[in-house]
Amino acid sequence: MSESLEAIKPILYSIGLGGIGGFFIGYALKKVLHLAVMLGVFTFAFLYLAQTKAININFEEIALMVSQSSNFIEQSVAPLIVGVPFMGSFAFGLMNGLKRG
């Protein structure tokens, strides 16, 4: 019996840590959501100014930065697969934190 308990301890630890972390981050995320809304309004205003030629934005440079970050994302898929129990419990905790915030 104790051998099977020892085998699942790392999974239980990962699930517990992910759930608790997800709850607190979800709670904090809900509290700062208004900041994200303001950032979105600012971004759309900025793009509107670029569209009306009031300001000049180098979209080629932005596209280059996005493509470089996508290469980084592609290289980091394997560690994400290993952390599936953590991510599942983190998502559950995140949703609970968002509900109660």
N, C-alpha and C. Protein backbone atom coordinates (compact mmCIF):
# COMPACT_ATOMS: atom_id res chain seq x y z
N MET A 1 0.82 -1.19 0.00
CA MET A 1 0.00 0.00 0.00
C MET A 1 0.86 1.25 0.00
N SER A 2 1.92 1.26 0.82
CA SER A 2 2.75 2.46 0.91
C SER A 2 3.54 2.68 -0.38
N GLU A 3 3.84 1.60 -1.12
CA GLU A 3 4.55 1.76 -2.39
C GLU A 3 3.69 2.49 -3.41
N SER A 4 2.41 2.16 -3.45
CA SER A 4 1.53 2.85 -4.40
C SER A 4 1.33 4.30 -3.99
N LEU A 5 1.31 4.57 -2.67
CA LEU A 5 1.18 5.95 -2.21
C LEU A 5 2.42 6.75 -2.57
N GLU A 6 3.58 6.14 -2.43
CA GLU A 6 4.83 6.81 -2.79
C GLU A 6 4.88 7.09 -4.30
N ALA A 7 4.25 6.25 -5.09
CA ALA A 7 4.28 6.43 -6.54
C ALA A 7 3.41 7.59 -6.99
N ILE A 8 2.32 7.85 -6.25
CA ILE A 8 1.43 8.93 -6.69
C ILE A 8 1.67 10.24 -5.96
N LYS A 9 2.61 10.28 -5.00
CA LYS A 9 2.89 11.53 -4.29
C LYS A 9 3.30 12.67 -5.23
N PRO A 10 4.17 12.43 -6.22
CA PRO A 10 4.53 13.55 -7.11
C PRO A 10 3.34 14.09 -7.89
N ILE A 11 2.42 13.21 -8.28
CA ILE A 11 1.24 13.66 -9.02
C ILE A 11 0.33 14.46 -8.11
N LEU A 12 0.12 13.98 -6.88
CA LEU A 12 -0.72 14.70 -5.92
C LEU A 12 -0.12 16.06 -5.59
N TYR A 13 1.20 16.11 -5.44
CA TYR A 13 1.87 17.38 -5.17
C TYR A 13 1.68 18.35 -6.32
N SER A 14 1.84 17.86 -7.54
CA SER A 14 1.68 18.70 -8.72
C SER A 14 0.25 19.21 -8.85
N ILE A 15 -0.73 18.34 -8.59
CA ILE A 15 -2.13 18.74 -8.68
C ILE A 15 -2.47 19.76 -7.60
N GLY A 16 -2.00 19.51 -6.38
CA GLY A 16 -2.28 20.44 -5.28
C GLY A 16 -1.64 21.80 -5.51
N LEU A 17 -0.39 21.80 -5.92
CA LEU A 17 0.31 23.05 -6.17
C LEU A 17 -0.32 23.81 -7.32
N GLY A 18 -0.71 23.10 -8.38
CA GLY A 18 -1.35 23.75 -9.51
C GLY A 18 -2.70 24.33 -9.16
N GLY A 19 -3.47 23.60 -8.36
CA GLY A 19 -4.79 24.10 -7.97
C GLY A 19 -4.70 25.33 -7.09
N ILE A 20 -3.82 25.31 -6.12
CA ILE A 20 -3.66 26.46 -5.24
C ILE A 20 -3.11 27.66 -6.00
N GLY A 21 -2.09 27.42 -6.81
CA GLY A 21 -1.52 28.51 -7.61
C GLY A 21 -2.53 29.07 -8.60
N GLY A 22 -3.29 28.21 -9.23
CA GLY A 22 -4.31 28.66 -10.17
C GLY A 22 -5.38 29.49 -9.51
N PHE A 23 -5.79 29.09 -8.30
CA PHE A 23 -6.81 29.85 -7.58
C PHE A 23 -6.32 31.27 -7.29
N PHE A 24 -5.11 31.38 -6.75
CA PHE A 24 -4.60 32.71 -6.40
C PHE A 24 -4.35 33.57 -7.62
N ILE A 25 -3.86 32.99 -8.68
CA ILE A 25 -3.65 33.77 -9.90
C ILE A 25 -4.98 34.16 -10.52
N GLY A 26 -5.96 33.27 -10.50
CA GLY A 26 -7.29 33.62 -11.00
C GLY A 26 -7.92 34.74 -10.22
N TYR A 27 -7.77 34.69 -8.91
CA TYR A 27 -8.31 35.75 -8.05
C TYR A 27 -7.64 37.09 -8.36
N ALA A 28 -6.31 37.07 -8.49
CA ALA A 28 -5.58 38.30 -8.80
C ALA A 28 -5.90 38.78 -10.21
N LEU A 29 -6.06 37.85 -11.14
CA LEU A 29 -6.37 38.21 -12.52
C LEU A 29 -7.70 38.93 -12.61
N LYS A 30 -8.67 38.46 -11.85
CA LYS A 30 -9.96 39.12 -11.87
C LYS A 30 -9.87 40.52 -11.27
N LYS A 31 -9.02 40.69 -10.27
CA LYS A 31 -8.88 41.99 -9.64
C LYS A 31 -8.20 43.02 -10.55
N VAL A 32 -7.35 42.57 -11.46
CA VAL A 32 -6.65 43.52 -12.35
C VAL A 32 -7.21 43.49 -13.77
N LEU A 33 -8.38 42.91 -13.93
CA LEU A 33 -8.98 42.82 -15.26
C LEU A 33 -9.25 44.20 -15.86
N HIS A 34 -9.59 45.14 -15.04
CA HIS A 34 -9.86 46.49 -15.57
C HIS A 34 -8.62 47.08 -16.22
N LEU A 35 -7.42 46.70 -15.74
CA LEU A 35 -6.19 47.16 -16.37
C LEU A 35 -6.06 46.61 -17.79
N ALA A 36 -6.45 45.35 -17.98
CA ALA A 36 -6.41 44.74 -19.31
C ALA A 36 -7.39 45.43 -20.26
N VAL A 37 -8.55 45.80 -19.75
CA VAL A 37 -9.53 46.51 -20.58
C VAL A 37 -8.97 47.86 -21.01
N MET A 38 -8.35 48.55 -20.09
CA MET A 38 -7.76 49.86 -20.42
C MET A 38 -6.63 49.71 -21.44
N LEU A 39 -5.84 48.65 -21.30
CA LEU A 39 -4.77 48.41 -22.25
C LEU A 39 -5.34 48.11 -23.64
N GLY A 40 -6.44 47.37 -23.70
CA GLY A 40 -7.09 47.09 -24.98
C GLY A 40 -7.62 48.36 -25.63
N VAL A 41 -8.24 49.23 -24.83
CA VAL A 41 -8.73 50.51 -25.36
C VAL A 41 -7.57 51.34 -25.88
N PHE A 42 -6.47 51.38 -25.14
CA PHE A 42 -5.29 52.11 -25.58
C PHE A 42 -4.74 51.55 -26.88
N THR A 43 -4.70 50.21 -26.99
CA THR A 43 -4.19 49.58 -28.21
C THR A 43 -5.05 49.92 -29.41
N PHE A 44 -6.37 49.84 -29.25
CA PHE A 44 -7.25 50.18 -30.37
C PHE A 44 -7.14 51.66 -30.74
N ALA A 45 -6.98 52.51 -29.77
CA ALA A 45 -6.80 53.93 -30.06
C ALA A 45 -5.48 54.15 -30.81
N PHE A 46 -4.45 53.43 -30.39
CA PHE A 46 -3.15 53.52 -31.04
C PHE A 46 -3.24 53.05 -32.50
N LEU A 47 -3.94 51.93 -32.73
CA LEU A 47 -4.10 51.43 -34.09
C LEU A 47 -4.95 52.37 -34.94
N TYR A 48 -5.93 53.01 -34.32
CA TYR A 48 -6.74 53.99 -35.04
C TYR A 48 -5.88 55.17 -35.49
N LEU A 49 -5.00 55.64 -34.62
CA LEU A 49 -4.11 56.73 -34.99
C LEU A 49 -3.16 56.32 -36.11
N ALA A 50 -2.73 55.07 -36.10
CA ALA A 50 -1.88 54.58 -37.19
C ALA A 50 -2.65 54.50 -38.49
N GLN A 51 -3.91 54.09 -38.42
CA GLN A 51 -4.74 53.98 -39.62
C GLN A 51 -5.01 55.34 -40.24
N THR A 52 -5.18 56.35 -39.42
CA THR A 52 -5.46 57.71 -39.92
C THR A 52 -4.19 58.47 -40.25
N LYS A 53 -3.03 57.80 -40.15
CA LYS A 53 -1.72 58.36 -40.46
C LYS A 53 -1.32 59.48 -39.49
N ALA A 54 -1.91 59.51 -38.32
CA ALA A 54 -1.50 60.49 -37.31
C ALA A 54 -0.16 60.10 -36.70
N ILE A 55 0.11 58.78 -36.64
CA ILE A 55 1.40 58.27 -36.19
C ILE A 55 1.85 57.20 -37.17
N ASN A 56 3.14 56.86 -37.13
CA ASN A 56 3.69 55.86 -38.03
C ASN A 56 4.18 54.66 -37.20
N ILE A 57 3.69 53.47 -37.54
CA ILE A 57 4.09 52.24 -36.86
C ILE A 57 4.78 51.33 -37.87
N ASN A 58 5.92 50.77 -37.48
CA ASN A 58 6.67 49.85 -38.33
C ASN A 58 6.13 48.44 -38.09
N PHE A 59 5.14 48.05 -38.89
CA PHE A 59 4.50 46.74 -38.71
C PHE A 59 5.42 45.60 -39.10
N GLU A 60 6.40 45.84 -39.98
CA GLU A 60 7.35 44.80 -40.35
C GLU A 60 8.20 44.40 -39.14
N GLU A 61 8.62 45.38 -38.36
CA GLU A 61 9.40 45.09 -37.15
C GLU A 61 8.56 44.34 -36.13
N ILE A 62 7.31 44.69 -36.01
CA ILE A 62 6.41 43.99 -35.09
C ILE A 62 6.22 42.55 -35.56
N ALA A 63 6.05 42.34 -36.86
CA ALA A 63 5.90 40.98 -37.39
C ALA A 63 7.16 40.15 -37.14
N LEU A 64 8.34 40.76 -37.25
CA LEU A 64 9.59 40.06 -36.98
C LEU A 64 9.67 39.64 -35.51
N MET A 65 9.27 40.52 -34.62
CA MET A 65 9.29 40.19 -33.20
C MET A 65 8.31 39.05 -32.88
N VAL A 66 7.15 39.06 -33.52
CA VAL A 66 6.16 38.00 -33.28
C VAL A 66 6.67 36.67 -33.82
N SER A 67 7.32 36.68 -34.99
CA SER A 67 7.83 35.42 -35.54
C SER A 67 8.95 34.86 -34.67
N GLN A 68 9.77 35.72 -34.09
CA GLN A 68 10.82 35.24 -33.19
C GLN A 68 10.23 34.64 -31.93
N SER A 69 9.17 35.23 -31.43
CA SER A 69 8.55 34.68 -30.23
C SER A 69 7.83 33.36 -30.54
N SER A 70 7.31 33.21 -31.76
CA SER A 70 6.65 31.94 -32.10
C SER A 70 7.67 30.81 -32.20
N ASN A 71 8.90 31.10 -32.62
CA ASN A 71 9.95 30.07 -32.62
C ASN A 71 10.24 29.62 -31.20
N PHE A 72 10.26 30.55 -30.26
CA PHE A 72 10.47 30.21 -28.86
C PHE A 72 9.33 29.33 -28.35
N ILE A 73 8.11 29.64 -28.74
CA ILE A 73 6.94 28.87 -28.29
C ILE A 73 7.01 27.45 -28.82
N GLU A 74 7.42 27.29 -30.09
CA GLU A 74 7.52 25.94 -30.67
C GLU A 74 8.54 25.09 -29.93
N GLN A 75 9.60 25.70 -29.45
CA GLN A 75 10.65 24.95 -28.76
C GLN A 75 10.27 24.60 -27.33
N SER A 76 9.23 25.17 -26.82
CA SER A 76 8.86 24.92 -25.42
C SER A 76 7.63 24.04 -25.27
N VAL A 77 7.26 23.28 -26.29
CA VAL A 77 6.08 22.42 -26.21
C VAL A 77 6.34 21.19 -25.35
N ALA A 78 7.51 20.59 -25.43
CA ALA A 78 7.81 19.37 -24.67
C ALA A 78 7.67 19.57 -23.17
N PRO A 79 8.20 20.65 -22.57
CA PRO A 79 7.98 20.82 -21.13
C PRO A 79 6.51 21.00 -20.76
N LEU A 80 5.72 21.53 -21.66
CA LEU A 80 4.29 21.70 -21.37
C LEU A 80 3.58 20.36 -21.29
N ILE A 81 3.97 19.42 -22.14
CA ILE A 81 3.35 18.10 -22.14
C ILE A 81 3.65 17.38 -20.83
N VAL A 82 4.86 17.54 -20.33
CA VAL A 82 5.25 16.90 -19.08
C VAL A 82 4.42 17.44 -17.91
N GLY A 83 4.02 18.71 -17.99
CA GLY A 83 3.29 19.33 -16.89
C GLY A 83 1.78 19.27 -17.00
N VAL A 84 1.22 18.27 -17.67
CA VAL A 84 -0.24 18.19 -17.86
C VAL A 84 -1.00 18.13 -16.55
N PRO A 85 -0.61 17.31 -15.55
CA PRO A 85 -1.37 17.32 -14.29
C PRO A 85 -1.36 18.69 -13.63
N PHE A 86 -0.21 19.35 -13.64
CA PHE A 86 -0.11 20.68 -13.05
C PHE A 86 -1.01 21.66 -13.78
N MET A 87 -0.99 21.63 -15.12
CA MET A 87 -1.79 22.58 -15.90
C MET A 87 -3.27 22.34 -15.72
N GLY A 88 -3.69 21.09 -15.60
CA GLY A 88 -5.10 20.80 -15.40
C GLY A 88 -5.61 21.32 -14.08
N SER A 89 -4.86 21.06 -13.02
CA SER A 89 -5.28 21.55 -11.72
C SER A 89 -5.12 23.07 -11.63
N PHE A 90 -4.13 23.61 -12.32
CA PHE A 90 -3.96 25.06 -12.35
C PHE A 90 -5.17 25.72 -13.02
N ALA A 91 -5.62 25.14 -14.13
CA ALA A 91 -6.80 25.69 -14.82
C ALA A 91 -8.03 25.61 -13.94
N PHE A 92 -8.18 24.50 -13.21
CA PHE A 92 -9.33 24.35 -12.30
C PHE A 92 -9.27 25.40 -11.19
N GLY A 93 -8.10 25.59 -10.61
CA GLY A 93 -7.94 26.60 -9.58
C GLY A 93 -8.13 28.00 -10.13
N LEU A 94 -7.66 28.23 -11.34
CA LEU A 94 -7.83 29.53 -11.99
C LEU A 94 -9.31 29.87 -12.17
N MET A 95 -10.08 28.90 -12.62
CA MET A 95 -11.51 29.14 -12.81
C MET A 95 -12.21 29.41 -11.48
N ASN A 96 -11.83 28.67 -10.43
CA ASN A 96 -12.42 28.92 -9.12
C ASN A 96 -12.03 30.29 -8.59
N GLY A 97 -10.78 30.69 -8.83
CA GLY A 97 -10.35 32.02 -8.39
C GLY A 97 -11.08 33.12 -9.12
N LEU A 98 -11.33 32.90 -10.40
CA LEU A 98 -12.06 33.91 -11.17
C LEU A 98 -13.52 34.01 -10.72
N LYS A 99 -14.10 32.88 -10.32
CA LYS A 99 -15.48 32.89 -9.85
C LYS A 99 -15.63 33.64 -8.54
N ARG A 100 -14.69 33.44 -7.65
CA ARG A 100 -14.83 33.98 -6.30
C ARG A 100 -14.23 35.35 -6.14
N GLY A 101 -13.54 35.87 -7.16
CA GLY A 101 -12.85 37.16 -7.02
C GLY A 101 -13.74 38.33 -7.03
